[in-house]
């Protein structure tokens, strides 16, 4: 069966990344523009509230399919990157850059349609840092699997004395628990479930397709994330190839997150302000 399905594995890493970005854009347009407009009653009278609500729910359901792909690609990047430290610092840097735009676009309660971002930011200081964007979830997940790798590969040998391999899973599990705790404490996007998903993708990376099945089951316990099933199907058809080399353009994908969120805020204000 595995030999038969190998011929259908045509999706490379770059394609997955583009798909995830497009789906994320749709999700954020819905959350950053449509939801505030609905709350303010700024939708056509010819469309009933029930219809608007259904459209919103459908679009957000589609949007559930971006995060699992990003988590999966994070693990791929972790196992292939030349510098894990640079990888982690990149996530941290863009997480910090993205945070003000993330908070104001999705969680602002005052001056929601004020195009002056700084005024809107000042009016919503009470909600700043109540949430942390997805870059912090990915960063915590990266640090967790980085530490877990040490315990799973190096910890079992101490002063040339080899410990039973099963013992290495204890500190690895404790690191995962710590990562989940931190994610919950600082209210990262997808919370501890996101960190756990990254860990599952890593720890089961050689047990295909168990890693995909286990990841979907775990994430399904979080709200409406069970709608992310199509993304896990796409991961099944991943061919383990990076795709076309894009060089420095890889930072385009880093920057896409804060830039598109800020543009959604501006567009929201221009349309409804």
C-alpha atoms as a PDB file:
ATOM      1  CA  UNK A   1       0.000   0.000   0.000  1.00  0.00           C
ATOM      2  CA  UNK A   2       2.823   2.390   0.877  1.00  0.00           C
ATOM      3  CA  UNK A   3       4.457   1.771  -2.496  1.00  0.00           C
ATOM      4  CA  UNK A   4       1.213   2.591  -4.287  1.00  0.00           C
ATOM      5  CA  UNK A   5       0.642   5.845  -2.439  1.00  0.00           C
ATOM      6  CA  UNK A   6       4.229   7.043  -2.947  1.00  0.00           C
ATOM      7  CA  UNK A   7       3.374   7.845  -6.567  1.00  0.00           C
ATOM      8  CA  UNK A   8       0.761  10.339  -5.422  1.00  0.00           C
ATOM      9  CA  UNK A   9       3.099  12.302  -3.167  1.00  0.00           C
ATOM     10  CA  UNK A  10       3.480  15.382  -5.325  1.00  0.00           C
ATOM     11  CA  UNK A  11       3.279  18.238  -2.797  1.00  0.00           C
ATOM     12  CA  UNK A  12       6.602  19.814  -1.808  1.00  0.00           C
ATOM     13  CA  UNK A  13       7.397  22.095   1.085  1.00  0.00           C
ATOM     14  CA  UNK A  14       7.134  25.337  -0.872  1.00  0.00           C
ATOM     15  CA  UNK A  15       3.674  24.399  -2.159  1.00  0.00           C
ATOM     16  CA  UNK A  16       2.530  23.598   1.368  1.00  0.00           C
ATOM     17  CA  UNK A  17       3.847  26.936   2.589  1.00  0.00           C
ATOM     18  CA  UNK A  18       2.030  28.875  -0.130  1.00  0.00           C
ATOM     19  CA  UNK A  19      -1.216  27.007   0.578  1.00  0.00           C
ATOM     20  CA  UNK A  20      -0.876  27.728   4.297  1.00  0.00           C
ATOM     21  CA  UNK A  21      -0.295  31.439   3.646  1.00  0.00           C
ATOM     22  CA  UNK A  22      -3.329  31.731   1.351  1.00  0.00           C
ATOM     23  CA  UNK A  23      -5.583  29.932   3.842  1.00  0.00           C
ATOM     24  CA  UNK A  24      -4.206  32.045   6.697  1.00  0.00           C
ATOM     25  CA  UNK A  25      -4.925  35.206   4.720  1.00  0.00           C
ATOM     26  CA  UNK A  26      -8.533  34.121   4.209  1.00  0.00           C
ATOM     27  CA  UNK A  27      -8.878  33.315   7.896  1.00  0.00           C
ATOM     28  CA  UNK A  28      -7.427  36.635   9.004  1.00  0.00           C
ATOM     29  CA  UNK A  29      -9.528  38.636   6.557  1.00  0.00           C
ATOM     30  CA  UNK A  30     -12.567  36.987   8.099  1.00  0.00           C
ATOM     31  CA  UNK A  31     -11.447  37.543  11.695  1.00  0.00           C
ATOM     32  CA  UNK A  32      -9.944  40.994  11.178  1.00  0.00           C
ATOM     33  CA  UNK A  33     -12.528  42.541   8.866  1.00  0.00           C
ATOM     34  CA  UNK A  34     -15.732  40.563   8.785  1.00  0.00           C
ATOM     35  CA  UNK A  35     -16.069  39.924  12.513  1.00  0.00           C
ATOM     36  CA  UNK A  36     -15.667  43.585  13.604  1.00  0.00           C
ATOM     37  CA  UNK A  37     -18.125  44.617  10.883  1.00  0.00           C
ATOM     38  CA  UNK A  38     -20.662  42.055  12.083  1.00  0.00           C
ATOM     39  CA  UNK A  39     -20.281  43.216  15.679  1.00  0.00           C
ATOM     40  CA  UNK A  40     -20.844  46.818  14.580  1.00  0.00           C
ATOM     41  CA  UNK A  41     -23.842  45.823  12.468  1.00  0.00           C
ATOM     42  CA  UNK A  42     -22.102  47.000   9.287  1.00  0.00           C
ATOM     43  CA  UNK A  43     -23.437  44.460   6.822  1.00  0.00           C
ATOM     44  CA  UNK A  44     -26.110  44.752   4.101  1.00  0.00           C
ATOM     45  CA  UNK A  45     -29.708  44.748   5.327  1.00  0.00           C
ATOM     46  CA  UNK A  46     -30.552  42.417   2.458  1.00  0.00           C
ATOM     47  CA  UNK A  47     -28.517  39.664   4.102  1.00  0.00           C
ATOM     48  CA  UNK A  48     -29.832  38.153   7.306  1.00  0.00           C
ATOM     49  CA  UNK A  49     -27.662  37.846  10.393  1.00  0.00           C
ATOM     50  CA  UNK A  50     -28.002  34.043  10.224  1.00  0.00           C
ATOM     51  CA  UNK A  51     -26.616  34.018   6.666  1.00  0.00           C
ATOM     52  CA  UNK A  52     -23.729  36.306   7.591  1.00  0.00           C
ATOM     53  CA  UNK A  53     -22.975  34.128  10.595  1.00  0.00           C
ATOM     54  CA  UNK A  54     -22.948  30.982   8.427  1.00  0.00           C
ATOM     55  CA  UNK A  55     -20.578  32.561   5.909  1.00  0.00           C
ATOM     56  CA  UNK A  56     -18.305  33.637   8.742  1.00  0.00           C
ATOM     57  CA  UNK A  57     -18.263  30.150  10.257  1.00  0.00           C
ATOM     58  CA  UNK A  58     -17.481  28.527   6.894  1.00  0.00           C
ATOM     59  CA  UNK A  59     -14.584  30.885   6.196  1.00  0.00           C
ATOM     60  CA  UNK A  60     -13.130  30.444   9.689  1.00  0.00           C
ATOM     61  CA  UNK A  61     -13.483  26.675   9.324  1.00  0.00           C
ATOM     62  CA  UNK A  62     -11.415  26.816   6.146  1.00  0.00           C
ATOM     63  CA  UNK A  63      -8.892  28.942   8.015  1.00  0.00           C
ATOM     64  CA  UNK A  64      -8.258  26.145  10.510  1.00  0.00           C
ATOM     65  CA  UNK A  65      -6.097  24.466   7.863  1.00  0.00           C
ATOM     66  CA  UNK A  66      -3.088  26.775   7.952  1.00  0.00           C
ATOM     67  CA  UNK A  67      -1.656  26.180  11.425  1.00  0.00           C
ATOM     68  CA  UNK A  68      -1.032  22.388  11.164  1.00  0.00           C
ATOM     69  CA  UNK A  69       0.927  22.965   7.959  1.00  0.00           C
ATOM     70  CA  UNK A  70       3.122  25.602   9.598  1.00  0.00           C
ATOM     71  CA  UNK A  71       3.779  23.271  12.549  1.00  0.00           C
ATOM     72  CA  UNK A  72       4.706  20.423  10.230  1.00  0.00           C
ATOM     73  CA  UNK A  73       7.041  22.640   8.196  1.00  0.00           C
ATOM     74  CA  UNK A  74       8.619  23.936  11.404  1.00  0.00           C
ATOM     75  CA  UNK A  75       9.692  20.401  12.268  1.00  0.00           C
ATOM     76  CA  UNK A  76      10.985  19.926   8.725  1.00  0.00           C
ATOM     77  CA  UNK A  77      12.926  23.160   9.008  1.00  0.00           C
ATOM     78  CA  UNK A  78      14.277  22.207  12.413  1.00  0.00           C
ATOM     79  CA  UNK A  79      15.686  18.920  11.121  1.00  0.00           C
ATOM     80  CA  UNK A  80      17.311  20.506   8.061  1.00  0.00           C
ATOM     81  CA  UNK A  81      18.370  24.017   9.071  1.00  0.00           C
ATOM     82  CA  UNK A  82      22.064  24.849   9.303  1.00  0.00           C
ATOM     83  CA  UNK A  83      21.515  27.096  12.317  1.00  0.00           C
ATOM     84  CA  UNK A  84      18.785  26.331  14.822  1.00  0.00           C
ATOM     85  CA  UNK A  85      19.763  29.369  16.851  1.00  0.00           C
ATOM     86  CA  UNK A  86      19.181  31.657  13.872  1.00  0.00           C
ATOM     87  CA  UNK A  87      15.890  29.870  13.237  1.00  0.00           C
ATOM     88  CA  UNK A  88      14.772  30.505  16.815  1.00  0.00           C
ATOM     89  CA  UNK A  89      15.911  34.139  16.775  1.00  0.00           C
ATOM     90  CA  UNK A  90      14.034  34.734  13.520  1.00  0.00           C
ATOM     91  CA  UNK A  91      10.827  33.442  15.092  1.00  0.00           C
ATOM     92  CA  UNK A  92      11.391  35.629  18.151  1.00  0.00           C
ATOM     93  CA  UNK A  93      12.142  38.752  16.102  1.00  0.00           C
ATOM     94  CA  UNK A  94       9.107  38.454  13.859  1.00  0.00           C
ATOM     95  CA  UNK A  95       6.959  37.504  16.832  1.00  0.00           C
ATOM     96  CA  UNK A  96       7.871  40.776  18.535  1.00  0.00           C
ATOM     97  CA  UNK A  97       7.311  42.751  15.323  1.00  0.00           C
ATOM     98  CA  UNK A  98       3.930  41.111  14.736  1.00  0.00           C
ATOM     99  CA  UNK A  99       2.532  41.439  18.240  1.00  0.00           C
ATOM    100  CA  UNK A 100       1.129  45.017  18.129  1.00  0.00           C
ATOM    101  CA  UNK A 101      -0.573  44.381  14.768  1.00  0.00           C
ATOM    102  CA  UNK A 102      -1.909  41.032  15.974  1.00  0.00           C
ATOM    103  CA  UNK A 103      -3.373  42.487  19.166  1.00  0.00           C
ATOM    104  CA  UNK A 104      -4.984  45.525  17.569  1.00  0.00           C
ATOM    105  CA  UNK A 105      -6.331  43.820  14.447  1.00  0.00           C
ATOM    106  CA  UNK A 106      -7.942  40.876  16.204  1.00  0.00           C
ATOM    107  CA  UNK A 107      -8.587  41.961  19.793  1.00  0.00           C
ATOM    108  CA  UNK A 108      -9.085  45.736  19.827  1.00  0.00           C
ATOM    109  CA  UNK A 109     -12.242  46.859  21.629  1.00  0.00           C
ATOM    110  CA  UNK A 110     -11.946  50.627  21.164  1.00  0.00           C
ATOM    111  CA  UNK A 111     -11.385  52.757  18.039  1.00  0.00           C
ATOM    112  CA  UNK A 112     -11.642  49.573  15.988  1.00  0.00           C
ATOM    113  CA  UNK A 113     -12.071  51.522  12.736  1.00  0.00           C
ATOM    114  CA  UNK A 114      -9.628  54.321  13.525  1.00  0.00           C
ATOM    115  CA  UNK A 115      -7.038  54.373  10.746  1.00  0.00           C
ATOM    116  CA  UNK A 116      -4.540  56.065  13.058  1.00  0.00           C
ATOM    117  CA  UNK A 117      -2.893  52.917  14.345  1.00  0.00           C
ATOM    118  CA  UNK A 118      -1.101  54.669  17.187  1.00  0.00           C
ATOM    119  CA  UNK A 119      -4.315  56.183  18.514  1.00  0.00           C
ATOM    120  CA  UNK A 120      -6.011  52.800  18.321  1.00  0.00           C
ATOM    121  CA  UNK A 121      -3.027  51.218  20.029  1.00  0.00           C
ATOM    122  CA  UNK A 122      -3.196  53.743  22.852  1.00  0.00           C
ATOM    123  CA  UNK A 123      -6.926  53.218  23.291  1.00  0.00           C
ATOM    124  CA  UNK A 124      -6.416  49.476  23.707  1.00  0.00           C
ATOM    125  CA  UNK A 125      -3.393  49.315  25.980  1.00  0.00           C
ATOM    126  CA  UNK A 126      -5.408  47.227  28.434  1.00  0.00           C
ATOM    127  CA  UNK A 127      -5.512  44.279  26.019  1.00  0.00           C
ATOM    128  CA  UNK A 128      -1.922  44.495  24.770  1.00  0.00           C
ATOM    129  CA  UNK A 129       0.027  41.331  25.668  1.00  0.00           C
ATOM    130  CA  UNK A 130      -3.163  39.542  26.772  1.00  0.00           C
ATOM    131  CA  UNK A 131      -2.492  37.317  23.774  1.00  0.00           C
ATOM    132  CA  UNK A 132       0.654  36.295  21.927  1.00  0.00           C
ATOM    133  CA  UNK A 133       0.745  35.639  18.213  1.00  0.00           C
ATOM    134  CA  UNK A 134       1.510  32.327  16.541  1.00  0.00           C
ATOM    135  CA  UNK A 135       5.225  33.054  16.208  1.00  0.00           C
ATOM    136  CA  UNK A 136       5.559  32.588  19.962  1.00  0.00           C
ATOM    137  CA  UNK A 137       3.745  29.251  19.736  1.00  0.00           C
ATOM    138  CA  UNK A 138       6.147  28.138  17.022  1.00  0.00           C
ATOM    139  CA  UNK A 139       9.144  29.426  18.992  1.00  0.00           C
ATOM    140  CA  UNK A 140       8.152  27.540  22.138  1.00  0.00           C
ATOM    141  CA  UNK A 141       7.533  24.422  20.066  1.00  0.00           C
ATOM    142  CA  UNK A 142      10.968  24.775  18.450  1.00  0.00           C
ATOM    143  CA  UNK A 143      12.697  25.126  21.820  1.00  0.00           C
ATOM    144  CA  UNK A 144      10.780  22.122  23.167  1.00  0.00           C
ATOM    145  CA  UNK A 145      11.833  19.770  20.362  1.00  0.00           C
ATOM    146  CA  UNK A 146      15.372  21.161  20.484  1.00  0.00           C
ATOM    147  CA  UNK A 147      15.638  20.253  24.151  1.00  0.00           C
ATOM    148  CA  UNK A 148      13.809  16.956  23.596  1.00  0.00           C
ATOM    149  CA  UNK A 149      16.321  15.998  20.938  1.00  0.00           C
ATOM    150  CA  UNK A 150      19.147  16.387  23.422  1.00  0.00           C
ATOM    151  CA  UNK A 151      17.450  14.188  25.984  1.00  0.00           C
ATOM    152  CA  UNK A 152      16.456  11.557  23.450  1.00  0.00           C
ATOM    153  CA  UNK A 153      19.844  11.381  21.719  1.00  0.00           C
ATOM    154  CA  UNK A 154      22.536  12.450  24.190  1.00  0.00           C
ATOM    155  CA  UNK A 155      21.146  12.289  27.695  1.00  0.00           C
ATOM    156  CA  UNK A 156      21.121   8.503  27.886  1.00  0.00           C
ATOM    157  CA  UNK A 157      24.940   8.445  27.861  1.00  0.00           C
ATOM    158  CA  UNK A 158      26.445   9.936  31.035  1.00  0.00           C
ATOM    159  CA  UNK A 159      30.163   9.571  31.650  1.00  0.00           C
ATOM    160  CA  UNK A 160      30.212   6.697  29.123  1.00  0.00           C
ATOM    161  CA  UNK A 161      27.540   4.891  31.137  1.00  0.00           C
ATOM    162  CA  UNK A 162      24.499   4.199  29.010  1.00  0.00           C
ATOM    163  CA  UNK A 163      21.134   4.562  30.690  1.00  0.00           C
ATOM    164  CA  UNK A 164      18.052   2.644  29.538  1.00  0.00           C
ATOM    165  CA  UNK A 165      16.654   4.464  26.483  1.00  0.00           C
ATOM    166  CA  UNK A 166      13.145   4.690  27.948  1.00  0.00           C
ATOM    167  CA  UNK A 167      14.452   6.988  30.677  1.00  0.00           C
ATOM    168  CA  UNK A 168      15.135   9.688  28.086  1.00  0.00           C
ATOM    169  CA  UNK A 169      11.413  10.108  27.515  1.00  0.00           C
ATOM    170  CA  UNK A 170      10.900  11.329  31.072  1.00  0.00           C
ATOM    171  CA  UNK A 171      12.902  14.586  30.752  1.00  0.00           C
ATOM    172  CA  UNK A 172      11.603  15.004  27.168  1.00  0.00           C
ATOM    173  CA  UNK A 173       8.057  14.783  28.525  1.00  0.00           C
ATOM    174  CA  UNK A 174       8.873  17.284  31.272  1.00  0.00           C
ATOM    175  CA  UNK A 175      10.201  19.720  28.678  1.00  0.00           C
ATOM    176  CA  UNK A 176       6.961  19.330  26.715  1.00  0.00           C
ATOM    177  CA  UNK A 177       4.948  19.982  29.885  1.00  0.00           C
ATOM    178  CA  UNK A 178       6.996  23.120  30.558  1.00  0.00           C
ATOM    179  CA  UNK A 179       6.444  24.331  26.993  1.00  0.00           C
ATOM    180  CA  UNK A 180       2.693  23.775  27.265  1.00  0.00           C
ATOM    181  CA  UNK A 181       2.645  25.614  30.603  1.00  0.00           C
ATOM    182  CA  UNK A 182       4.471  28.635  29.161  1.00  0.00           C
ATOM    183  CA  UNK A 183       2.204  28.734  26.102  1.00  0.00           C
ATOM    184  CA  UNK A 184      -0.871  28.663  28.324  1.00  0.00           C
ATOM    185  CA  UNK A 185       0.578  31.230  30.715  1.00  0.00           C
ATOM    186  CA  UNK A 186       1.309  33.837  28.038  1.00  0.00           C
ATOM    187  CA  UNK A 187      -1.804  32.939  26.004  1.00  0.00           C
ATOM    188  CA  UNK A 188      -0.118  32.100  22.722  1.00  0.00           C
ATOM    189  CA  UNK A 189      -2.211  31.442  19.644  1.00  0.00           C
ATOM    190  CA  UNK A 190      -3.390  27.798  19.750  1.00  0.00           C
ATOM    191  CA  UNK A 191      -2.171  27.622  23.347  1.00  0.00           C
ATOM    192  CA  UNK A 192      -0.482  24.464  24.591  1.00  0.00           C
ATOM    193  CA  UNK A 193      -2.236  22.392  21.932  1.00  0.00           C
ATOM    194  CA  UNK A 194      -0.045  24.045  19.312  1.00  0.00           C
ATOM    195  CA  UNK A 195       3.145  23.212  21.205  1.00  0.00           C
ATOM    196  CA  UNK A 196       1.981  19.626  21.688  1.00  0.00           C
ATOM    197  CA  UNK A 197       1.224  19.311  17.963  1.00  0.00           C
ATOM    198  CA  UNK A 198       4.778  20.349  17.088  1.00  0.00           C
ATOM    199  CA  UNK A 199       6.130  17.814  19.579  1.00  0.00           C
ATOM    200  CA  UNK A 200       3.958  15.047  18.097  1.00  0.00           C
ATOM    201  CA  UNK A 201       5.103  15.857  14.562  1.00  0.00           C
ATOM    202  CA  UNK A 202       8.701  15.687  15.781  1.00  0.00           C
ATOM    203  CA  UNK A 203       8.618  12.641  18.015  1.00  0.00           C
ATOM    204  CA  UNK A 204       6.695  10.598  15.423  1.00  0.00           C
ATOM    205  CA  UNK A 205       8.406  11.990  12.326  1.00  0.00           C
ATOM    206  CA  UNK A 206       9.632   8.537  11.304  1.00  0.00           C
ATOM    207  CA  UNK A 207       6.280   6.862  11.992  1.00  0.00           C
ATOM    208  CA  UNK A 208       4.318   7.940   8.928  1.00  0.00           C
ATOM    209  CA  UNK A 209       1.324   8.290   8.724  1.00  0.00           C
ATOM    210  CA  UNK A 210       0.943   7.826  12.498  1.00  0.00           C
ATOM    211  CA  UNK A 211       2.391  11.304  13.008  1.00  0.00           C
ATOM    212  CA  UNK A 212      -0.382  12.829  10.892  1.00  0.00           C
ATOM    213  CA  UNK A 213      -3.177  10.820  12.500  1.00  0.00           C
ATOM    214  CA  UNK A 214      -1.925  11.505  16.032  1.00  0.00           C
ATOM    215  CA  UNK A 215      -1.478  15.194  15.265  1.00  0.00           C
ATOM    216  CA  UNK A 216      -5.019  15.533  13.966  1.00  0.00           C
ATOM    217  CA  UNK A 217      -6.504  13.739  16.968  1.00  0.00           C
ATOM    218  CA  UNK A 218      -4.568  15.930  19.402  1.00  0.00           C
ATOM    219  CA  UNK A 219      -5.472  19.222  17.717  1.00  0.00           C
ATOM    220  CA  UNK A 220      -9.130  18.220  17.375  1.00  0.00           C
ATOM    221  CA  UNK A 221      -9.557  18.660  21.127  1.00  0.00           C
ATOM    222  CA  UNK A 222      -9.089  22.431  20.677  1.00  0.00           C
ATOM    223  CA  UNK A 223     -12.316  24.197  19.788  1.00  0.00           C
ATOM    224  CA  UNK A 224     -13.204  23.842  16.110  1.00  0.00           C
ATOM    225  CA  UNK A 225      -9.759  22.692  15.000  1.00  0.00           C
ATOM    226  CA  UNK A 226     -11.244  19.412  13.804  1.00  0.00           C
ATOM    227  CA  UNK A 227     -12.054  21.394  10.640  1.00  0.00           C
ATOM    228  CA  UNK A 228      -8.336  21.211   9.885  1.00  0.00           C
ATOM    229  CA  UNK A 229      -8.690  17.692   8.463  1.00  0.00           C
ATOM    230  CA  UNK A 230      -7.960  18.784   4.836  1.00  0.00           C
ATOM    231  CA  UNK A 231      -4.567  20.145   5.884  1.00  0.00           C
ATOM    232  CA  UNK A 232      -3.599  16.790   7.373  1.00  0.00           C
ATOM    233  CA  UNK A 233      -4.669  15.120   4.134  1.00  0.00           C
ATOM    234  CA  UNK A 234      -2.339  17.480   2.264  1.00  0.00           C
ATOM    235  CA  UNK A 235       0.481  16.539   4.637  1.00  0.00           C
ATOM    236  CA  UNK A 236      -0.088  12.899   3.714  1.00  0.00           C
ATOM    237  CA  UNK A 237       0.844  13.762   0.124  1.00  0.00           C
ATOM    238  CA  UNK A 238       4.007  15.646   1.095  1.00  0.00           C
ATOM    239  CA  UNK A 239       6.981  14.356  -0.913  1.00  0.00           C
ATOM    240  CA  UNK A 240       9.712  15.426   1.572  1.00  0.00           C
ATOM    241  CA  UNK A 241      11.210  17.837  -0.954  1.00  0.00           C
ATOM    242  CA  UNK A 242      11.812  21.513  -0.271  1.00  0.00           C
ATOM    243  CA  UNK A 243      10.627  22.678  -3.676  1.00  0.00           C
ATOM    244  CA  UNK A 244      12.127  25.499  -5.705  1.00  0.00           C
ATOM    245  CA  UNK A 245      14.975  27.208  -3.879  1.00  0.00           C
ATOM    246  CA  UNK A 246      13.927  30.753  -3.011  1.00  0.00           C
ATOM    247  CA  UNK A 247      17.052  31.955  -1.214  1.00  0.00           C
ATOM    248  CA  UNK A 248      16.571  35.237   0.626  1.00  0.00           C
ATOM    249  CA  UNK A 249      12.885  35.215  -0.274  1.00  0.00           C
ATOM    250  CA  UNK A 250      12.360  32.882   2.669  1.00  0.00           C
ATOM    251  CA  UNK A 251      12.131  36.031   4.781  1.00  0.00           C
ATOM    252  CA  UNK A 252       9.156  37.045   2.652  1.00  0.00           C
ATOM    253  CA  UNK A 253       7.221  34.282   4.394  1.00  0.00           C
ATOM    254  CA  UNK A 254       8.383  35.551   7.779  1.00  0.00           C
ATOM    255  CA  UNK A 255       7.347  39.110   6.935  1.00  0.00           C
ATOM    256  CA  UNK A 256       4.073  38.041   5.333  1.00  0.00           C
ATOM    257  CA  UNK A 257       2.519  37.500   8.754  1.00  0.00           C
ATOM    258  CA  UNK A 258       2.895  41.000  10.269  1.00  0.00           C
ATOM    259  CA  UNK A 259       2.529  42.804   6.931  1.00  0.00           C
ATOM    260  CA  UNK A 260      -0.732  41.179   5.897  1.00  0.00           C
ATOM    261  CA  UNK A 261      -2.233  41.627   9.375  1.00  0.00           C
ATOM    262  CA  UNK A 262      -1.395  45.346   9.342  1.00  0.00           C
ATOM    263  CA  UNK A 263      -2.823  45.730   5.827  1.00  0.00           C
ATOM    264  CA  UNK A 264      -6.034  44.031   6.965  1.00  0.00           C
ATOM    265  CA  UNK A 265      -6.290  46.620   9.739  1.00  0.00           C
ATOM    266  CA  UNK A 266      -5.791  49.470   7.266  1.00  0.00           C
ATOM    267  CA  UNK A 267      -8.287  48.001   4.812  1.00  0.00           C
ATOM    268  CA  UNK A 268     -10.833  47.543   7.597  1.00  0.00           C
ATOM    269  CA  UNK A 269     -10.547  51.180   8.565  1.00  0.00           C
ATOM    270  CA  UNK A 270     -10.785  52.411   4.964  1.00  0.00           C
ATOM    271  CA  UNK A 271     -13.919  50.387   4.278  1.00  0.00           C
ATOM    272  CA  UNK A 272     -15.787  50.739   7.566  1.00  0.00           C
ATOM    273  CA  UNK A 273     -14.187  53.762   9.228  1.00  0.00           C
END
